[in-house]
Amino acid sequence: SEATMALAITLAGLFSGAAAPLIYEALAEITYPLHESLSASILVQWIN
């Protein structure tokens, strides 16, 4: 139904958005002592 479809899409967007900042933070931690802008730039390029 429209409600169940909207709920599924909303949850998918909610948790995909929730993972985004955590992944940026995790990459900055893993690539330390390199600057966090480097890992963020690489991730953005892969997303594009």
All heavy atoms as atom14 arrays in JSON, in Angstrom:
{
  "sequence": "SEATMALAITLAGLFSGAAAPLIYEALAEITYPLHESLSASILVQWIN",
  "atom14_mask": [
    [1, 1, 1, 1, 1, 1, 0, 0, 0, 0, 0, 0, 0, 0],
    [1, 1, 1, 1, 1, 1, 1, 1, 1, 0, 0, 0, 0, 0],
    [1, 1, 1, 1, 1, 0, 0, 0, 0, 0, 0, 0, 0, 0],
    [1, 1, 1, 1, 1, 1, 1, 0, 0, 0, 0, 0, 0, 0],
    [1, 1, 1, 1, 1, 1, 1, 1, 0, 0, 0, 0, 0, 0],
    [1, 1, 1, 1, 1, 0, 0, 0, 0, 0, 0, 0, 0, 0],
    [1, 1, 1, 1, 1, 1, 1, 1, 0, 0, 0, 0, 0, 0],
    [1, 1, 1, 1, 1, 0, 0, 0, 0, 0, 0, 0, 0, 0],
    [1, 1, 1, 1, 1, 1, 1, 1, 0, 0, 0, 0, 0, 0],
    [1, 1, 1, 1, 1, 1, 1, 0, 0, 0, 0, 0, 0, 0],
    [1, 1, 1, 1, 1, 1, 1, 1, 0, 0, 0, 0, 0, 0],
    [1, 1, 1, 1, 1, 0, 0, 0, 0, 0, 0, 0, 0, 0],
    [1, 1, 1, 1, 0, 0, 0, 0, 0, 0, 0, 0, 0, 0],
    [1, 1, 1, 1, 1, 1, 1, 1, 0, 0, 0, 0, 0, 0],
    [1, 1, 1, 1, 1, 1, 1, 1, 1, 1, 1, 0, 0, 0],
    [1, 1, 1, 1, 1, 1, 0, 0, 0, 0, 0, 0, 0, 0],
    [1, 1, 1, 1, 0, 0, 0, 0, 0, 0, 0, 0, 0, 0],
    [1, 1, 1, 1, 1, 0, 0, 0, 0, 0, 0, 0, 0, 0],
    [1, 1, 1, 1, 1, 0, 0, 0, 0, 0, 0, 0, 0, 0],
    [1, 1, 1, 1, 1, 0, 0, 0, 0, 0, 0, 0, 0, 0],
    [1, 1, 1, 1, 1, 1, 1, 0, 0, 0, 0, 0, 0, 0],
    [1, 1, 1, 1, 1, 1, 1, 1, 0, 0, 0, 0, 0, 0],
    [1, 1, 1, 1, 1, 1, 1, 1, 0, 0, 0, 0, 0, 0],
    [1, 1, 1, 1, 1, 1, 1, 1, 1, 1, 1, 1, 0, 0],
    [1, 1, 1, 1, 1, 1, 1, 1, 1, 0, 0, 0, 0, 0],
    [1, 1, 1, 1, 1, 0, 0, 0, 0, 0, 0, 0, 0, 0],
    [1, 1, 1, 1, 1, 1, 1, 1, 0, 0, 0, 0, 0, 0],
    [1, 1, 1, 1, 1, 0, 0, 0, 0, 0, 0, 0, 0, 0],
    [1, 1, 1, 1, 1, 1, 1, 1, 1, 0, 0, 0, 0, 0],
    [1, 1, 1, 1, 1, 1, 1, 1, 0, 0, 0, 0, 0, 0],
    [1, 1, 1, 1, 1, 1, 1, 0, 0, 0, 0, 0, 0, 0],
    [1, 1, 1, 1, 1, 1, 1, 1, 1, 1, 1, 1, 0, 0],
    [1, 1, 1, 1, 1, 1, 1, 0, 0, 0, 0, 0, 0, 0],
    [1, 1, 1, 1, 1, 1, 1, 1, 0, 0, 0, 0, 0, 0],
    [1, 1, 1, 1, 1, 1, 1, 1, 1, 1, 0, 0, 0, 0],
    [1, 1, 1, 1, 1, 1, 1, 1, 1, 0, 0, 0, 0, 0],
    [1, 1, 1, 1, 1, 1, 0, 0, 0, 0, 0, 0, 0, 0],
    [1, 1, 1, 1, 1, 1, 1, 1, 0, 0, 0, 0, 0, 0],
    [1, 1, 1, 1, 1, 1, 0, 0, 0, 0, 0, 0, 0, 0],
    [1, 1, 1, 1, 1, 0, 0, 0, 0, 0, 0, 0, 0, 0],
    [1, 1, 1, 1, 1, 1, 0, 0, 0, 0, 0, 0, 0, 0],
    [1, 1, 1, 1, 1, 1, 1, 1, 0, 0, 0, 0, 0, 0],
    [1, 1, 1, 1, 1, 1, 1, 1, 0, 0, 0, 0, 0, 0],
    [1, 1, 1, 1, 1, 1, 1, 0, 0, 0, 0, 0, 0, 0],
    [1, 1, 1, 1, 1, 1, 1, 1, 1, 0, 0, 0, 0, 0],
    [1, 1, 1, 1, 1, 1, 1, 1, 1, 1, 1, 1, 1, 1],
    [1, 1, 1, 1, 1, 1, 1, 1, 0, 0, 0, 0, 0, 0],
    [1, 1, 1, 1, 1, 1, 1, 1, 0, 0, 0, 0, 0, 0]
  ],
  "atom14_positions": [
    [[0.86, -1.18, 0.0], [0.0, 0.0, 0.0], [0.89, 1.23, 0.0], [2.12, 1.13, 0.14], [-0.92, 0.0, 1.23], [-0.16, 0.09, 2.42], [0.0, 0.0, 0.0], [0.0, 0.0, 0.0], [0.0, 0.0, 0.0], [0.0, 0.0, 0.0], [0.0, 0.0, 0.0], [0.0, 0.0, 0.0], [0.0, 0.0, 0.0], [0.0, 0.0, 0.0]],
    [[0.31, 2.37, -0.15], [1.12, 3.59, -0.15], [1.82, 3.8, 1.19], [2.97, 4.26, 1.23], [0.22, 4.8, -0.47], [-0.32, 4.8, -1.89], [-1.13, 6.05, -2.17], [-1.29, 6.87, -1.24], [-1.6, 6.2, -3.32], [0.0, 0.0, 0.0], [0.0, 0.0, 0.0], [0.0, 0.0, 0.0], [0.0, 0.0, 0.0], [0.0, 0.0, 0.0]],
    [[1.15, 3.43, 2.26], [1.75, 3.62, 3.58], [2.95, 2.7, 3.8], [4.0, 3.14, 4.28], [0.7, 3.37, 4.66], [0.0, 0.0, 0.0], [0.0, 0.0, 0.0], [0.0, 0.0, 0.0], [0.0, 0.0, 0.0], [0.0, 0.0, 0.0], [0.0, 0.0, 0.0], [0.0, 0.0, 0.0], [0.0, 0.0, 0.0], [0.0, 0.0, 0.0]],
    [[2.81, 1.42, 3.42], [3.92, 0.49, 3.63], [5.1, 0.81, 2.71], [6.26, 0.71, 3.12], [3.45, -0.95, 3.38], [2.85, -1.05, 2.07], [2.44, -1.37, 4.43], [0.0, 0.0, 0.0], [0.0, 0.0, 0.0], [0.0, 0.0, 0.0], [0.0, 0.0, 0.0], [0.0, 0.0, 0.0], [0.0, 0.0, 0.0], [0.0, 0.0, 0.0]],
    [[4.82, 1.2, 1.47], [5.89, 1.6, 0.55], [6.62, 2.84, 1.07], [7.86, 2.9, 1.07], [5.31, 1.88, -0.83], [4.82, 0.65, -1.57], [6.16, -0.32, -2.26], [6.66, 0.73, -3.61], [0.0, 0.0, 0.0], [0.0, 0.0, 0.0], [0.0, 0.0, 0.0], [0.0, 0.0, 0.0], [0.0, 0.0, 0.0], [0.0, 0.0, 0.0]],
    [[5.86, 3.8, 1.55], [6.48, 5.02, 2.08], [7.3, 4.72, 3.33], [8.39, 5.29, 3.52], [5.39, 6.05, 2.4], [0.0, 0.0, 0.0], [0.0, 0.0, 0.0], [0.0, 0.0, 0.0], [0.0, 0.0, 0.0], [0.0, 0.0, 0.0], [0.0, 0.0, 0.0], [0.0, 0.0, 0.0], [0.0, 0.0, 0.0], [0.0, 0.0, 0.0]],
    [[6.79, 3.81, 4.17], [7.54, 3.46, 5.37], [8.85, 2.75, 5.04], [9.89, 3.05, 5.64], [6.67, 2.56, 6.26], [7.3, 2.11, 7.58], [7.68, 3.31, 8.44], [6.37, 1.18, 8.33], [0.0, 0.0, 0.0], [0.0, 0.0, 0.0], [0.0, 0.0, 0.0], [0.0, 0.0, 0.0], [0.0, 0.0, 0.0], [0.0, 0.0, 0.0]],
    [[8.82, 1.84, 4.08], [10.03, 1.13, 3.69], [11.06, 2.09, 3.11], [12.26, 2.02, 3.42], [9.7, 0.03, 2.68], [0.0, 0.0, 0.0], [0.0, 0.0, 0.0], [0.0, 0.0, 0.0], [0.0, 0.0, 0.0], [0.0, 0.0, 0.0], [0.0, 0.0, 0.0], [0.0, 0.0, 0.0], [0.0, 0.0, 0.0], [0.0, 0.0, 0.0]],
    [[10.62, 3.0, 2.26], [11.54, 3.98, 1.66], [12.08, 4.93, 2.71], [13.26, 5.3, 2.69], [10.81, 4.74, 0.53], [10.47, 3.79, -0.61], [11.66, 5.89, 0.03], [9.6, 4.4, -1.68], [0.0, 0.0, 0.0], [0.0, 0.0, 0.0], [0.0, 0.0, 0.0], [0.0, 0.0, 0.0], [0.0, 0.0, 0.0], [0.0, 0.0, 0.0]],
    [[11.22, 5.33, 3.65], [11.66, 6.24, 4.7], [12.73, 5.59, 5.58], [13.75, 6.22, 5.91], [10.47, 6.66, 5.57], [9.5, 7.32, 4.76], [10.92, 7.61, 6.68], [0.0, 0.0, 0.0], [0.0, 0.0, 0.0], [0.0, 0.0, 0.0], [0.0, 0.0, 0.0], [0.0, 0.0, 0.0], [0.0, 0.0, 0.0], [0.0, 0.0, 0.0]],
    [[12.52, 4.34, 5.95], [13.51, 3.64, 6.78], [14.82, 3.43, 6.02], [15.91, 3.56, 6.61], [12.94, 2.3, 7.24], [11.78, 2.37, 8.24], [11.26, 0.97, 8.56], [12.23, 3.08, 9.52], [0.0, 0.0, 0.0], [0.0, 0.0, 0.0], [0.0, 0.0, 0.0], [0.0, 0.0, 0.0], [0.0, 0.0, 0.0], [0.0, 0.0, 0.0]],
    [[14.72, 3.11, 4.73], [15.94, 2.95, 3.94], [16.72, 4.26, 3.87], [17.95, 4.28, 4.04], [15.58, 2.47, 2.53], [0.0, 0.0, 0.0], [0.0, 0.0, 0.0], [0.0, 0.0, 0.0], [0.0, 0.0, 0.0], [0.0, 0.0, 0.0], [0.0, 0.0, 0.0], [0.0, 0.0, 0.0], [0.0, 0.0, 0.0], [0.0, 0.0, 0.0]],
    [[16.02, 5.36, 3.66], [16.7, 6.66, 3.64], [17.24, 7.05, 5.0], [18.34, 7.62, 5.1], [0.0, 0.0, 0.0], [0.0, 0.0, 0.0], [0.0, 0.0, 0.0], [0.0, 0.0, 0.0], [0.0, 0.0, 0.0], [0.0, 0.0, 0.0], [0.0, 0.0, 0.0], [0.0, 0.0, 0.0], [0.0, 0.0, 0.0], [0.0, 0.0, 0.0]],
    [[16.49, 6.73, 6.05], [16.92, 7.07, 7.4], [18.24, 6.4, 7.75], [19.19, 7.05, 8.21], [15.83, 6.66, 8.39], [16.15, 6.85, 9.88], [16.19, 8.33, 10.23], [15.13, 6.13, 10.74], [0.0, 0.0, 0.0], [0.0, 0.0, 0.0], [0.0, 0.0, 0.0], [0.0, 0.0, 0.0], [0.0, 0.0, 0.0], [0.0, 0.0, 0.0]],
    [[18.33, 5.1, 7.52], [19.53, 4.36, 7.93], [20.7, 4.54, 6.96], [21.86, 4.46, 7.37], [19.19, 2.89, 8.11], [18.31, 2.62, 9.29], [16.99, 2.2, 9.11], [18.77, 2.8, 10.58], [16.17, 1.96, 10.21], [17.96, 2.57, 11.67], [16.66, 2.15, 11.49], [0.0, 0.0, 0.0], [0.0, 0.0, 0.0], [0.0, 0.0, 0.0]],
    [[20.4, 4.79, 5.69], [21.51, 5.1, 4.77], [22.12, 6.46, 5.11], [23.34, 6.62, 5.08], [21.01, 5.09, 3.32], [20.04, 6.12, 3.1], [0.0, 0.0, 0.0], [0.0, 0.0, 0.0], [0.0, 0.0, 0.0], [0.0, 0.0, 0.0], [0.0, 0.0, 0.0], [0.0, 0.0, 0.0], [0.0, 0.0, 0.0], [0.0, 0.0, 0.0]],
    [[21.27, 7.42, 5.45], [21.78, 8.71, 5.9], [22.49, 8.62, 7.23], [23.47, 9.34, 7.48], [0.0, 0.0, 0.0], [0.0, 0.0, 0.0], [0.0, 0.0, 0.0], [0.0, 0.0, 0.0], [0.0, 0.0, 0.0], [0.0, 0.0, 0.0], [0.0, 0.0, 0.0], [0.0, 0.0, 0.0], [0.0, 0.0, 0.0], [0.0, 0.0, 0.0]],
    [[22.02, 7.71, 8.1], [22.68, 7.53, 9.4], [24.08, 6.97, 9.26], [24.99, 7.3, 10.04], [21.83, 6.61, 10.28], [0.0, 0.0, 0.0], [0.0, 0.0, 0.0], [0.0, 0.0, 0.0], [0.0, 0.0, 0.0], [0.0, 0.0, 0.0], [0.0, 0.0, 0.0], [0.0, 0.0, 0.0], [0.0, 0.0, 0.0], [0.0, 0.0, 0.0]],
    [[24.28, 6.1, 8.26], [25.61, 5.5, 8.08], [26.62, 6.47, 7.48], [27.83, 6.3, 7.69], [25.48, 4.27, 7.18], [0.0, 0.0, 0.0], [0.0, 0.0, 0.0], [0.0, 0.0, 0.0], [0.0, 0.0, 0.0], [0.0, 0.0, 0.0], [0.0, 0.0, 0.0], [0.0, 0.0, 0.0], [0.0, 0.0, 0.0], [0.0, 0.0, 0.0]],
    [[26.16, 7.48, 6.76], [27.07, 8.38, 6.02], [28.09, 9.08, 6.92], [29.3, 8.95, 6.7], [26.27, 9.38, 5.2], [0.0, 0.0, 0.0], [0.0, 0.0, 0.0], [0.0, 0.0, 0.0], [0.0, 0.0, 0.0], [0.0, 0.0, 0.0], [0.0, 0.0, 0.0], [0.0, 0.0, 0.0], [0.0, 0.0, 0.0], [0.0, 0.0, 0.0]],
    [[27.68, 9.84, 7.95], [28.7, 10.51, 8.77], [29.58, 9.56, 9.54], [30.77, 9.85, 9.78], [27.85, 11.37, 9.73], [26.53, 10.71, 9.79], [26.33, 10.11, 8.44], [0.0, 0.0, 0.0], [0.0, 0.0, 0.0], [0.0, 0.0, 0.0], [0.0, 0.0, 0.0], [0.0, 0.0, 0.0], [0.0, 0.0, 0.0], [0.0, 0.0, 0.0]],
    [[29.05, 8.41, 9.91], [29.86, 7.42, 10.63], [30.94, 6.83, 9.73], [32.06, 6.57, 10.18], [28.96, 6.3, 11.16], [27.86, 6.74, 12.14], [26.98, 5.55, 12.5], [28.46, 7.35, 13.4], [0.0, 0.0, 0.0], [0.0, 0.0, 0.0], [0.0, 0.0, 0.0], [0.0, 0.0, 0.0], [0.0, 0.0, 0.0], [0.0, 0.0, 0.0]],
    [[30.63, 6.64, 8.44], [31.61, 6.11, 7.51], [32.72, 7.13, 7.27], [33.91, 6.79, 7.21], [30.94, 5.7, 6.19], [30.03, 4.49, 6.43], [31.96, 5.4, 5.11], [29.19, 4.11, 5.24], [0.0, 0.0, 0.0], [0.0, 0.0, 0.0], [0.0, 0.0, 0.0], [0.0, 0.0, 0.0], [0.0, 0.0, 0.0], [0.0, 0.0, 0.0]],
    [[32.36, 8.4, 7.15], [33.38, 9.45, 7.02], [34.3, 9.46, 8.24], [35.53, 9.57, 8.12], [32.72, 10.82, 6.86], [32.26, 11.13, 5.46], [30.93, 10.97, 5.09], [33.16, 11.57, 4.49], [30.5, 11.26, 3.8], [32.74, 11.86, 3.21], [31.42, 11.7, 2.86], [30.99, 11.99, 1.58], [0.0, 0.0, 0.0], [0.0, 0.0, 0.0]],
    [[33.7, 9.35, 9.42], [34.49, 9.35, 10.66], [35.37, 8.11, 10.74], [36.54, 8.19, 11.15], [33.53, 9.4, 11.85], [34.22, 9.49, 13.21], [34.89, 10.82, 13.44], [34.54, 11.79, 12.72], [35.76, 10.9, 14.32], [0.0, 0.0, 0.0], [0.0, 0.0, 0.0], [0.0, 0.0, 0.0], [0.0, 0.0, 0.0], [0.0, 0.0, 0.0]],
    [[34.83, 6.97, 10.33], [35.62, 5.73, 10.38], [36.8, 5.79, 9.43], [37.92, 5.36, 9.77], [34.72, 4.55, 10.03], [0.0, 0.0, 0.0], [0.0, 0.0, 0.0], [0.0, 0.0, 0.0], [0.0, 0.0, 0.0], [0.0, 0.0, 0.0], [0.0, 0.0, 0.0], [0.0, 0.0, 0.0], [0.0, 0.0, 0.0], [0.0, 0.0, 0.0]],
    [[36.61, 6.33, 8.24], [37.73, 6.47, 7.29], [38.79, 7.43, 7.82], [39.99, 7.2, 7.63], [37.2, 6.95, 5.94], [36.49, 5.91, 5.08], [35.96, 6.55, 3.81], [37.42, 4.77, 4.74], [0.0, 0.0, 0.0], [0.0, 0.0, 0.0], [0.0, 0.0, 0.0], [0.0, 0.0, 0.0], [0.0, 0.0, 0.0], [0.0, 0.0, 0.0]],
    [[38.37, 8.49, 8.47], [39.34, 9.42, 9.06], [40.15, 8.73, 10.15], [41.36, 9.0, 10.3], [38.61, 10.65, 9.62], [0.0, 0.0, 0.0], [0.0, 0.0, 0.0], [0.0, 0.0, 0.0], [0.0, 0.0, 0.0], [0.0, 0.0, 0.0], [0.0, 0.0, 0.0], [0.0, 0.0, 0.0], [0.0, 0.0, 0.0], [0.0, 0.0, 0.0]],
    [[39.51, 7.86, 10.92], [40.23, 7.13, 11.96], [41.2, 6.11, 11.37], [42.33, 5.97, 11.82], [39.22, 6.41, 12.88], [38.33, 7.32, 13.7], [39.08, 8.01, 14.83], [40.22, 7.63, 15.09], [38.51, 8.93, 15.42], [0.0, 0.0, 0.0], [0.0, 0.0, 0.0], [0.0, 0.0, 0.0], [0.0, 0.0, 0.0], [0.0, 0.0, 0.0]],
    [[40.75, 5.39, 10.34], [41.56, 4.32, 9.76], [42.79, 4.89, 9.05], [43.88, 4.32, 9.11], [40.71, 3.47, 8.8], [39.64, 2.71, 9.59], [41.58, 2.48, 8.02], [38.63, 2.0, 8.72], [0.0, 0.0, 0.0], [0.0, 0.0, 0.0], [0.0, 0.0, 0.0], [0.0, 0.0, 0.0], [0.0, 0.0, 0.0], [0.0, 0.0, 0.0]],
    [[42.62, 6.03, 8.35], [43.72, 6.62, 7.58], [44.59, 7.56, 8.4], [45.52, 8.15, 7.85], [43.17, 7.37, 6.37], [42.27, 8.4, 6.82], [42.44, 6.43, 5.43], [0.0, 0.0, 0.0], [0.0, 0.0, 0.0], [0.0, 0.0, 0.0], [0.0, 0.0, 0.0], [0.0, 0.0, 0.0], [0.0, 0.0, 0.0], [0.0, 0.0, 0.0]],
    [[44.32, 7.72, 9.69], [45.16, 8.58, 10.54], [46.58, 8.01, 10.58], [46.76, 6.79, 10.61], [44.58, 8.64, 11.96], [45.33, 9.53, 12.91], [45.08, 10.89, 12.92], [46.29, 9.01, 13.78], [45.77, 11.71, 13.8], [46.98, 9.83, 14.64], [46.71, 11.18, 14.65], [47.4, 12.0, 15.51], [0.0, 0.0, 0.0], [0.0, 0.0, 0.0]],
    [[47.64, 8.85, 10.48], [47.7, 10.3, 10.67], [47.51, 11.15, 9.42], [47.82, 12.35, 9.44], [49.1, 10.49, 11.24], [49.91, 9.43, 10.6], [48.99, 8.25, 10.45], [0.0, 0.0, 0.0], [0.0, 0.0, 0.0], [0.0, 0.0, 0.0], [0.0, 0.0, 0.0], [0.0, 0.0, 0.0], [0.0, 0.0, 0.0], [0.0, 0.0, 0.0]],
    [[47.07, 10.56, 8.31], [46.76, 11.37, 7.14], [45.59, 12.3, 7.46], [44.73, 11.98, 8.29], [46.41, 10.47, 5.95], [47.53, 9.56, 5.45], [47.02, 8.69, 4.31], [48.74, 10.36, 5.0], [0.0, 0.0, 0.0], [0.0, 0.0, 0.0], [0.0, 0.0, 0.0], [0.0, 0.0, 0.0], [0.0, 0.0, 0.0], [0.0, 0.0, 0.0]],
    [[45.55, 13.42, 6.79], [44.5, 14.4, 7.07], [43.14, 13.85, 6.67], [43.01, 13.14, 5.66], [44.77, 15.71, 6.32], [44.05, 16.88, 6.89], [42.76, 17.22, 6.51], [44.41, 17.79, 7.83], [42.36, 18.29, 7.18], [43.34, 18.66, 7.99], [0.0, 0.0, 0.0], [0.0, 0.0, 0.0], [0.0, 0.0, 0.0], [0.0, 0.0, 0.0]],
    [[42.13, 14.18, 7.47], [40.79, 13.62, 7.21], [40.2, 14.09, 5.89], [39.31, 13.44, 5.33], [39.83, 13.96, 8.35], [39.75, 15.42, 8.7], [40.67, 15.8, 9.84], [41.66, 15.09, 10.06], [40.39, 16.82, 10.5], [0.0, 0.0, 0.0], [0.0, 0.0, 0.0], [0.0, 0.0, 0.0], [0.0, 0.0, 0.0], [0.0, 0.0, 0.0]],
    [[40.67, 15.23, 5.37], [40.16, 15.7, 4.08], [40.53, 14.76, 2.94], [39.8, 14.66, 1.95], [40.69, 17.11, 3.78], [42.11, 17.1, 3.71], [0.0, 0.0, 0.0], [0.0, 0.0, 0.0], [0.0, 0.0, 0.0], [0.0, 0.0, 0.0], [0.0, 0.0, 0.0], [0.0, 0.0, 0.0], [0.0, 0.0, 0.0], [0.0, 0.0, 0.0]],
    [[41.65, 14.04, 3.09], [42.06, 13.1, 2.05], [41.09, 11.92, 1.95], [40.62, 11.57, 0.85], [43.48, 12.6, 2.34], [44.05, 11.56, 1.36], [44.12, 12.16, -0.04], [45.4, 11.08, 1.83], [0.0, 0.0, 0.0], [0.0, 0.0, 0.0], [0.0, 0.0, 0.0], [0.0, 0.0, 0.0], [0.0, 0.0, 0.0], [0.0, 0.0, 0.0]],
    [[40.79, 11.3, 3.08], [39.85, 10.18, 3.07], [38.46, 10.62, 2.63], [37.76, 9.9, 1.9], [39.79, 9.54, 4.46], [39.35, 10.47, 5.43], [0.0, 0.0, 0.0], [0.0, 0.0, 0.0], [0.0, 0.0, 0.0], [0.0, 0.0, 0.0], [0.0, 0.0, 0.0], [0.0, 0.0, 0.0], [0.0, 0.0, 0.0], [0.0, 0.0, 0.0]],
    [[38.04, 11.82, 3.05], [36.72, 12.33, 2.64], [36.68, 12.57, 1.13], [35.68, 12.26, 0.48], [36.41, 13.61, 3.41], [0.0, 0.0, 0.0], [0.0, 0.0, 0.0], [0.0, 0.0, 0.0], [0.0, 0.0, 0.0], [0.0, 0.0, 0.0], [0.0, 0.0, 0.0], [0.0, 0.0, 0.0], [0.0, 0.0, 0.0], [0.0, 0.0, 0.0]],
    [[37.76, 13.11, 0.58], [37.79, 13.36, -0.87], [37.73, 12.07, -1.66], [37.03, 11.98, -2.68], [39.07, 14.14, -1.22], [39.12, 15.38, -0.55], [0.0, 0.0, 0.0], [0.0, 0.0, 0.0], [0.0, 0.0, 0.0], [0.0, 0.0, 0.0], [0.0, 0.0, 0.0], [0.0, 0.0, 0.0], [0.0, 0.0, 0.0], [0.0, 0.0, 0.0]],
    [[38.47, 11.05, -1.2], [38.45, 9.76, -1.9], [37.05, 9.15, -1.86], [36.54, 8.63, -2.86], [39.48, 8.8, -1.27], [40.89, 9.33, -1.51], [39.33, 7.4, -1.83], [41.96, 8.54, -0.8], [0.0, 0.0, 0.0], [0.0, 0.0, 0.0], [0.0, 0.0, 0.0], [0.0, 0.0, 0.0], [0.0, 0.0, 0.0], [0.0, 0.0, 0.0]],
    [[36.4, 9.22, -0.7], [35.05, 8.66, -0.57], [34.07, 9.4, -1.48], [33.22, 8.77, -2.14], [34.6, 8.73, 0.88], [33.19, 8.19, 1.18], [33.08, 6.73, 0.79], [32.85, 8.37, 2.65], [0.0, 0.0, 0.0], [0.0, 0.0, 0.0], [0.0, 0.0, 0.0], [0.0, 0.0, 0.0], [0.0, 0.0, 0.0], [0.0, 0.0, 0.0]],
    [[34.17, 10.72, -1.54], [33.27, 11.5, -2.39], [33.45, 11.12, -3.86], [32.48, 11.01, -4.62], [33.5, 13.0, -2.16], [32.79, 13.83, -3.22], [33.02, 13.42, -0.78], [0.0, 0.0, 0.0], [0.0, 0.0, 0.0], [0.0, 0.0, 0.0], [0.0, 0.0, 0.0], [0.0, 0.0, 0.0], [0.0, 0.0, 0.0], [0.0, 0.0, 0.0]],
    [[34.71, 10.93, -4.27], [34.96, 10.55, -5.66], [34.36, 9.18, -5.98], [33.79, 8.98, -7.06], [36.47, 10.55, -5.94], [37.12, 11.93, -5.86], [36.46, 12.94, -6.79], [36.1, 12.62, -7.92], [36.28, 14.16, -6.3], [0.0, 0.0, 0.0], [0.0, 0.0, 0.0], [0.0, 0.0, 0.0], [0.0, 0.0, 0.0], [0.0, 0.0, 0.0]],
    [[34.49, 8.23, -5.06], [33.89, 6.91, -5.27], [32.37, 7.01, -5.35], [31.72, 6.32, -6.14], [34.29, 5.95, -4.15], [35.61, 5.29, -4.38], [36.78, 5.53, -3.74], [35.89, 4.27, -5.34], [37.78, 4.72, -4.23], [37.25, 3.94, -5.22], [35.13, 3.59, -6.3], [37.87, 2.98, -6.0], [35.74, 2.63, -7.09], [37.09, 2.33, -6.93]],
    [[31.78, 7.85, -4.53], [30.33, 8.05, -4.58], [29.91, 8.64, -5.92], [28.91, 8.21, -6.53], [29.87, 8.95, -3.41], [30.07, 8.23, -2.08], [28.42, 9.36, -3.59], [29.79, 9.1, -0.87], [0.0, 0.0, 0.0], [0.0, 0.0, 0.0], [0.0, 0.0, 0.0], [0.0, 0.0, 0.0], [0.0, 0.0, 0.0], [0.0, 0.0, 0.0]],
    [[30.67, 9.6, -6.42], [30.34, 10.21, -7.71], [30.46, 9.2, -8.85], [29.59, 9.15, -9.75], [31.27, 11.39, -7.98], [31.02, 12.55, -7.04], [29.92, 12.7, -6.51], [32.02, 13.37, -6.81], [0.0, 0.0, 0.0], [0.0, 0.0, 0.0], [0.0, 0.0, 0.0], [0.0, 0.0, 0.0], [0.0, 0.0, 0.0], [0.0, 0.0, 0.0]]
  ]
}
